[in-house]
N, C-alpha and C. Protein backbone atom coordinates (compact mmCIF):
# COMPACT_ATOMS: atom_id res chain seq x y z
N MET A 1 -11.49 26.73 -19.77
CA MET A 1 -12.40 26.87 -20.88
C MET A 1 -13.74 26.25 -20.51
N ASP A 2 -14.80 27.00 -20.64
CA ASP A 2 -16.14 26.52 -20.32
C ASP A 2 -16.80 26.02 -21.60
N ILE A 3 -17.08 24.71 -21.63
CA ILE A 3 -17.70 24.14 -22.83
C ILE A 3 -19.20 23.99 -22.67
N GLY A 4 -19.73 24.47 -21.54
CA GLY A 4 -21.18 24.41 -21.33
C GLY A 4 -21.62 23.03 -20.87
N LYS A 5 -22.91 22.86 -20.82
CA LYS A 5 -23.48 21.60 -20.38
C LYS A 5 -23.39 20.58 -21.51
N ILE A 6 -22.88 19.42 -21.19
CA ILE A 6 -22.76 18.36 -22.18
C ILE A 6 -24.12 17.70 -22.41
N ASN A 7 -24.88 17.49 -21.36
CA ASN A 7 -26.18 16.83 -21.49
C ASN A 7 -27.21 17.59 -20.66
N ASP A 8 -28.11 18.27 -21.32
CA ASP A 8 -29.17 19.02 -20.66
C ASP A 8 -30.49 18.35 -21.03
N ASN A 9 -30.92 17.40 -20.19
CA ASN A 9 -32.05 16.52 -20.50
C ASN A 9 -33.37 17.11 -20.01
N HIS A 10 -34.21 17.48 -20.95
CA HIS A 10 -35.54 18.02 -20.66
C HIS A 10 -36.65 17.00 -20.91
N THR A 11 -36.28 15.77 -21.23
CA THR A 11 -37.24 14.74 -21.62
C THR A 11 -38.40 14.62 -20.64
N PHE A 12 -38.11 14.69 -19.35
CA PHE A 12 -39.14 14.44 -18.35
C PHE A 12 -39.75 15.73 -17.80
N TYR A 13 -39.60 16.80 -18.59
CA TYR A 13 -40.28 18.06 -18.30
C TYR A 13 -41.03 18.58 -19.53
N GLU A 14 -40.72 18.02 -20.69
CA GLU A 14 -41.37 18.44 -21.93
C GLU A 14 -42.88 18.22 -21.83
N GLY A 15 -43.62 19.23 -22.22
CA GLY A 15 -45.07 19.17 -22.16
C GLY A 15 -45.63 19.69 -20.84
N TYR A 16 -44.75 19.95 -19.88
CA TYR A 16 -45.17 20.45 -18.57
C TYR A 16 -44.60 21.84 -18.29
N GLU A 17 -44.09 22.51 -19.33
CA GLU A 17 -43.51 23.82 -19.17
C GLU A 17 -44.48 24.74 -18.42
N GLY A 18 -43.93 25.49 -17.48
CA GLY A 18 -44.75 26.39 -16.68
C GLY A 18 -45.21 25.76 -15.37
N GLU A 19 -45.11 24.44 -15.26
CA GLU A 19 -45.44 23.76 -14.01
C GLU A 19 -44.17 23.59 -13.19
N PRO A 20 -44.30 23.32 -11.89
CA PRO A 20 -43.09 23.17 -11.06
C PRO A 20 -42.17 22.07 -11.58
N GLU A 21 -40.86 22.34 -11.47
CA GLU A 21 -39.87 21.37 -11.90
C GLU A 21 -38.73 21.28 -10.91
N ILE A 22 -38.11 20.11 -10.89
CA ILE A 22 -36.90 19.87 -10.11
C ILE A 22 -35.78 19.72 -11.12
N ILE A 23 -34.69 20.42 -10.90
CA ILE A 23 -33.53 20.36 -11.79
C ILE A 23 -32.35 19.84 -10.99
N LEU A 24 -31.76 18.76 -11.48
CA LEU A 24 -30.57 18.18 -10.84
C LEU A 24 -29.39 18.34 -11.78
N THR A 25 -28.29 18.89 -11.26
CA THR A 25 -27.12 19.15 -12.07
C THR A 25 -25.90 18.48 -11.46
N LEU A 26 -25.18 17.76 -12.30
CA LEU A 26 -23.94 17.10 -11.91
C LEU A 26 -22.78 17.91 -12.49
N SER A 27 -22.14 18.72 -11.67
CA SER A 27 -20.93 19.46 -12.04
C SER A 27 -21.00 20.17 -13.38
N ASN A 28 -22.12 20.73 -13.73
CA ASN A 28 -22.31 21.45 -14.98
C ASN A 28 -22.05 20.60 -16.23
N PHE A 29 -22.02 19.28 -16.07
CA PHE A 29 -21.83 18.39 -17.21
C PHE A 29 -23.10 17.65 -17.58
N GLU A 30 -23.97 17.51 -16.62
CA GLU A 30 -25.21 16.78 -16.88
C GLU A 30 -26.32 17.40 -16.04
N THR A 31 -27.42 17.71 -16.69
CA THR A 31 -28.57 18.30 -16.01
C THR A 31 -29.82 17.55 -16.44
N ILE A 32 -30.66 17.24 -15.45
CA ILE A 32 -31.95 16.64 -15.77
C ILE A 32 -33.05 17.52 -15.18
N HIS A 33 -34.09 17.71 -15.97
CA HIS A 33 -35.25 18.51 -15.59
C HIS A 33 -36.40 17.53 -15.38
N ILE A 34 -37.03 17.61 -14.21
CA ILE A 34 -38.07 16.64 -13.86
C ILE A 34 -39.35 17.38 -13.49
N TRP A 35 -40.43 17.02 -14.14
CA TRP A 35 -41.74 17.54 -13.79
C TRP A 35 -42.06 17.11 -12.36
N GLU A 36 -42.61 18.01 -11.57
CA GLU A 36 -42.91 17.71 -10.16
C GLU A 36 -43.85 16.51 -10.01
N GLY A 37 -44.70 16.25 -10.99
CA GLY A 37 -45.61 15.11 -10.91
C GLY A 37 -44.88 13.78 -10.85
N TYR A 38 -43.78 13.65 -11.61
CA TYR A 38 -42.98 12.41 -11.54
C TYR A 38 -42.27 12.32 -10.20
N PHE A 39 -41.78 13.46 -9.75
CA PHE A 39 -41.10 13.53 -8.46
C PHE A 39 -42.05 13.13 -7.34
N ASP A 40 -43.27 13.66 -7.38
CA ASP A 40 -44.28 13.33 -6.40
C ASP A 40 -44.64 11.85 -6.46
N ASP A 41 -44.66 11.30 -7.66
CA ASP A 41 -44.97 9.88 -7.84
C ASP A 41 -43.95 9.00 -7.12
N ILE A 42 -42.71 9.43 -7.08
CA ILE A 42 -41.67 8.68 -6.37
C ILE A 42 -41.83 8.85 -4.86
N TYR A 43 -41.94 10.08 -4.41
CA TYR A 43 -41.81 10.39 -2.98
C TYR A 43 -43.13 10.58 -2.24
N ASP A 44 -44.28 10.29 -2.85
CA ASP A 44 -45.57 10.62 -2.22
C ASP A 44 -45.96 9.72 -1.05
N THR A 45 -45.36 8.56 -0.91
CA THR A 45 -45.74 7.66 0.19
C THR A 45 -44.50 7.24 0.99
N PRO A 46 -44.01 8.14 1.83
CA PRO A 46 -42.80 7.82 2.60
C PRO A 46 -43.10 6.83 3.73
N SER A 47 -42.05 6.21 4.20
CA SER A 47 -42.17 5.31 5.35
C SER A 47 -42.60 6.11 6.57
N LEU A 48 -43.48 5.54 7.32
CA LEU A 48 -43.94 6.17 8.57
C LEU A 48 -43.50 5.34 9.77
N ASP A 49 -42.30 4.74 9.67
CA ASP A 49 -41.79 3.84 10.70
C ASP A 49 -41.23 4.55 11.93
N GLY A 50 -41.17 5.89 11.89
CA GLY A 50 -40.69 6.66 13.04
C GLY A 50 -39.18 6.81 13.09
N ASN A 51 -38.48 6.33 12.07
CA ASN A 51 -37.01 6.43 12.07
C ASN A 51 -36.50 7.72 11.44
N GLY A 52 -37.39 8.60 11.06
CA GLY A 52 -36.98 9.86 10.45
C GLY A 52 -36.76 9.72 8.97
N TRP A 53 -36.71 10.87 8.30
CA TRP A 53 -36.55 10.90 6.86
C TRP A 53 -35.22 11.56 6.50
N ASN A 54 -34.70 11.19 5.34
CA ASN A 54 -33.48 11.78 4.80
C ASN A 54 -33.72 12.18 3.36
N GLY A 55 -32.75 12.85 2.77
CA GLY A 55 -32.78 13.15 1.35
C GLY A 55 -34.02 13.91 0.92
N PHE A 56 -34.47 13.57 -0.29
CA PHE A 56 -35.64 14.26 -0.82
C PHE A 56 -36.92 13.93 -0.06
N THR A 57 -36.99 12.77 0.57
CA THR A 57 -38.18 12.47 1.37
C THR A 57 -38.35 13.53 2.45
N ARG A 58 -37.27 13.81 3.17
CA ARG A 58 -37.30 14.85 4.22
C ARG A 58 -37.60 16.21 3.61
N ASP A 59 -36.84 16.57 2.58
CA ASP A 59 -36.98 17.90 1.99
C ASP A 59 -38.40 18.12 1.47
N TYR A 60 -38.94 17.14 0.78
CA TYR A 60 -40.24 17.27 0.12
C TYR A 60 -41.39 17.32 1.13
N HIS A 61 -41.35 16.45 2.12
CA HIS A 61 -42.47 16.35 3.06
C HIS A 61 -42.37 17.32 4.23
N GLN A 62 -41.18 17.79 4.53
CA GLN A 62 -41.01 18.72 5.64
C GLN A 62 -40.71 20.14 5.13
N MET A 63 -40.84 20.34 3.80
CA MET A 63 -40.61 21.66 3.20
C MET A 63 -39.24 22.21 3.61
N GLU A 64 -38.21 21.41 3.41
CA GLU A 64 -36.85 21.81 3.72
C GLU A 64 -36.02 21.82 2.44
N GLY A 65 -34.76 22.18 2.56
CA GLY A 65 -33.87 22.19 1.40
C GLY A 65 -34.43 23.05 0.28
N ILE A 66 -34.47 22.50 -0.92
CA ILE A 66 -34.93 23.26 -2.08
C ILE A 66 -36.41 23.61 -2.03
N PHE A 67 -37.16 22.95 -1.18
CA PHE A 67 -38.60 23.20 -1.07
C PHE A 67 -38.95 24.17 0.06
N ALA A 68 -37.97 24.65 0.81
CA ALA A 68 -38.21 25.45 2.02
C ALA A 68 -39.04 26.70 1.78
N ASN A 69 -38.77 27.43 0.74
CA ASN A 69 -39.47 28.69 0.50
C ASN A 69 -40.30 28.65 -0.77
N GLY A 70 -40.72 27.47 -1.17
CA GLY A 70 -41.49 27.33 -2.39
C GLY A 70 -40.63 27.18 -3.63
N SER A 71 -39.39 27.64 -3.56
CA SER A 71 -38.41 27.41 -4.62
C SER A 71 -37.04 27.73 -4.06
N GLY A 72 -36.06 27.00 -4.52
CA GLY A 72 -34.72 27.23 -4.01
C GLY A 72 -33.69 26.37 -4.71
N THR A 73 -32.43 26.59 -4.32
CA THR A 73 -31.30 25.86 -4.87
C THR A 73 -30.40 25.43 -3.72
N ALA A 74 -29.82 24.24 -3.83
CA ALA A 74 -28.91 23.76 -2.80
C ALA A 74 -27.99 22.70 -3.40
N GLU A 75 -26.80 22.58 -2.83
CA GLU A 75 -25.95 21.44 -3.13
C GLU A 75 -26.36 20.32 -2.20
N ILE A 76 -26.51 19.13 -2.75
CA ILE A 76 -26.95 17.99 -1.94
C ILE A 76 -25.92 16.88 -1.99
N ASN A 77 -25.88 16.11 -0.93
CA ASN A 77 -24.97 14.98 -0.81
C ASN A 77 -25.54 13.80 -1.58
N PRO A 78 -24.90 13.39 -2.67
CA PRO A 78 -25.49 12.34 -3.51
C PRO A 78 -25.67 11.00 -2.79
N LYS A 79 -24.81 10.68 -1.84
CA LYS A 79 -24.93 9.40 -1.11
C LYS A 79 -26.21 9.39 -0.28
N GLU A 80 -26.45 10.46 0.47
CA GLU A 80 -27.66 10.55 1.28
C GLU A 80 -28.92 10.47 0.42
N TYR A 81 -28.92 11.20 -0.70
CA TYR A 81 -30.10 11.27 -1.55
C TYR A 81 -30.29 9.98 -2.35
N LEU A 82 -29.21 9.31 -2.71
CA LEU A 82 -29.33 8.01 -3.37
C LEU A 82 -29.87 6.97 -2.40
N ASP A 83 -29.34 6.94 -1.18
CA ASP A 83 -29.84 5.99 -0.17
C ASP A 83 -31.33 6.18 0.05
N ASP A 84 -31.76 7.44 0.13
CA ASP A 84 -33.17 7.74 0.32
C ASP A 84 -33.98 7.29 -0.91
N LEU A 85 -33.51 7.60 -2.09
CA LEU A 85 -34.21 7.22 -3.32
C LEU A 85 -34.39 5.71 -3.41
N MET A 86 -33.38 4.96 -3.00
CA MET A 86 -33.45 3.50 -3.12
C MET A 86 -34.53 2.88 -2.23
N LEU A 87 -35.03 3.62 -1.27
CA LEU A 87 -36.14 3.14 -0.45
C LEU A 87 -37.41 2.95 -1.28
N TYR A 88 -37.45 3.56 -2.47
CA TYR A 88 -38.63 3.52 -3.34
C TYR A 88 -38.45 2.59 -4.55
N LYS A 89 -37.37 1.81 -4.55
CA LYS A 89 -37.03 1.02 -5.75
C LYS A 89 -38.07 -0.03 -6.10
N ASP A 90 -38.83 -0.52 -5.14
CA ASP A 90 -39.84 -1.56 -5.42
C ASP A 90 -41.25 -0.99 -5.54
N LYS A 91 -41.36 0.31 -5.56
CA LYS A 91 -42.66 0.96 -5.61
C LYS A 91 -43.29 0.84 -7.00
N ASN A 92 -44.58 0.66 -7.05
CA ASN A 92 -45.33 0.71 -8.30
C ASN A 92 -45.75 2.16 -8.53
N PHE A 93 -45.27 2.74 -9.61
CA PHE A 93 -45.52 4.15 -9.89
C PHE A 93 -46.81 4.33 -10.69
N ASP A 94 -47.43 5.49 -10.52
CA ASP A 94 -48.66 5.82 -11.25
C ASP A 94 -48.39 6.12 -12.72
N PHE A 95 -47.25 6.76 -13.00
CA PHE A 95 -46.89 7.13 -14.37
C PHE A 95 -45.83 6.18 -14.89
N GLU A 96 -45.98 5.71 -16.09
CA GLU A 96 -45.01 4.81 -16.70
C GLU A 96 -43.61 5.45 -16.75
N GLU A 97 -43.56 6.74 -17.04
CA GLU A 97 -42.28 7.43 -17.18
C GLU A 97 -41.54 7.58 -15.85
N THR A 98 -42.24 7.46 -14.73
CA THR A 98 -41.60 7.67 -13.44
C THR A 98 -40.47 6.67 -13.21
N ALA A 99 -40.62 5.45 -13.66
CA ALA A 99 -39.55 4.45 -13.51
C ALA A 99 -38.29 4.91 -14.26
N GLN A 100 -38.46 5.56 -15.40
CA GLN A 100 -37.31 6.07 -16.15
C GLN A 100 -36.66 7.24 -15.42
N VAL A 101 -37.49 8.10 -14.82
CA VAL A 101 -36.97 9.21 -14.02
C VAL A 101 -36.19 8.65 -12.83
N PHE A 102 -36.74 7.66 -12.17
CA PHE A 102 -36.08 7.01 -11.04
C PHE A 102 -34.69 6.52 -11.47
N ASP A 103 -34.63 5.77 -12.56
CA ASP A 103 -33.35 5.23 -13.04
C ASP A 103 -32.37 6.34 -13.40
N LEU A 104 -32.86 7.40 -14.00
CA LEU A 104 -32.01 8.53 -14.37
C LEU A 104 -31.43 9.20 -13.12
N MET A 105 -32.25 9.35 -12.09
CA MET A 105 -31.76 9.93 -10.84
C MET A 105 -30.72 9.03 -10.18
N VAL A 106 -30.97 7.73 -10.17
CA VAL A 106 -30.01 6.78 -9.60
C VAL A 106 -28.67 6.92 -10.31
N THR A 107 -28.70 6.93 -11.63
CA THR A 107 -27.47 7.04 -12.42
C THR A 107 -26.73 8.35 -12.12
N LEU A 108 -27.46 9.45 -12.03
CA LEU A 108 -26.84 10.74 -11.75
C LEU A 108 -26.17 10.73 -10.37
N PHE A 109 -26.89 10.23 -9.36
CA PHE A 109 -26.31 10.18 -8.02
C PHE A 109 -25.10 9.24 -7.97
N GLU A 110 -25.16 8.12 -8.66
CA GLU A 110 -24.03 7.19 -8.68
C GLU A 110 -22.81 7.82 -9.35
N LYS A 111 -23.02 8.56 -10.43
CA LYS A 111 -21.91 9.27 -11.09
C LYS A 111 -21.29 10.29 -10.15
N ALA A 112 -22.13 11.01 -9.43
CA ALA A 112 -21.62 12.01 -8.49
C ALA A 112 -20.79 11.35 -7.39
N ILE A 113 -21.27 10.23 -6.86
CA ILE A 113 -20.52 9.52 -5.82
C ILE A 113 -19.20 9.02 -6.37
N GLU A 114 -19.24 8.42 -7.54
CA GLU A 114 -18.04 7.89 -8.19
C GLU A 114 -16.99 8.98 -8.42
N ASN A 115 -17.45 10.18 -8.75
CA ASN A 115 -16.54 11.29 -9.03
C ASN A 115 -16.27 12.18 -7.82
N GLY A 116 -16.90 11.87 -6.69
CA GLY A 116 -16.67 12.64 -5.47
C GLY A 116 -17.14 14.07 -5.54
N VAL A 117 -18.27 14.29 -6.21
CA VAL A 117 -18.81 15.64 -6.32
C VAL A 117 -20.23 15.71 -5.78
N MET A 118 -20.63 16.91 -5.43
CA MET A 118 -21.99 17.14 -4.96
C MET A 118 -22.90 17.33 -6.17
N VAL A 119 -24.19 17.28 -5.93
CA VAL A 119 -25.20 17.53 -6.95
C VAL A 119 -25.92 18.82 -6.58
N LYS A 120 -26.13 19.66 -7.56
CA LYS A 120 -26.91 20.87 -7.35
C LYS A 120 -28.37 20.54 -7.63
N ALA A 121 -29.24 20.87 -6.70
CA ALA A 121 -30.67 20.65 -6.87
C ALA A 121 -31.38 22.00 -6.85
N GLU A 122 -32.39 22.11 -7.69
CA GLU A 122 -33.15 23.35 -7.79
C GLU A 122 -34.61 23.03 -7.96
N PHE A 123 -35.48 23.79 -7.28
CA PHE A 123 -36.92 23.66 -7.43
C PHE A 123 -37.43 25.00 -7.90
N SER A 124 -38.17 24.97 -8.99
CA SER A 124 -38.74 26.24 -9.48
C SER A 124 -40.11 26.00 -10.05
């Protein structure tokens, strides 16, 4: 029996309809919609230490994964993407709401790891 999405959170995309968005879905039970501006606020200054990039840092800056063709969908490994996200935990964000987006993404990835499931990511 399909009961649909339990939590479809548009909070961090409201007011930006029609602009690029990142959608993260945890097993069709939880979906968050993120305006690209908040996403850029997190990932806009990656480490340049020469050790290579992982997760969304790699995808975003090297136009891979969901960003490869300007828009796309992929299943992502929550551990890899959480580890990458945590590299930005001490960053001062330009938008006040970005810290809330950061925390929401951390929680989603942690739930996915805890439940042993992948996360579906989409850029449109």
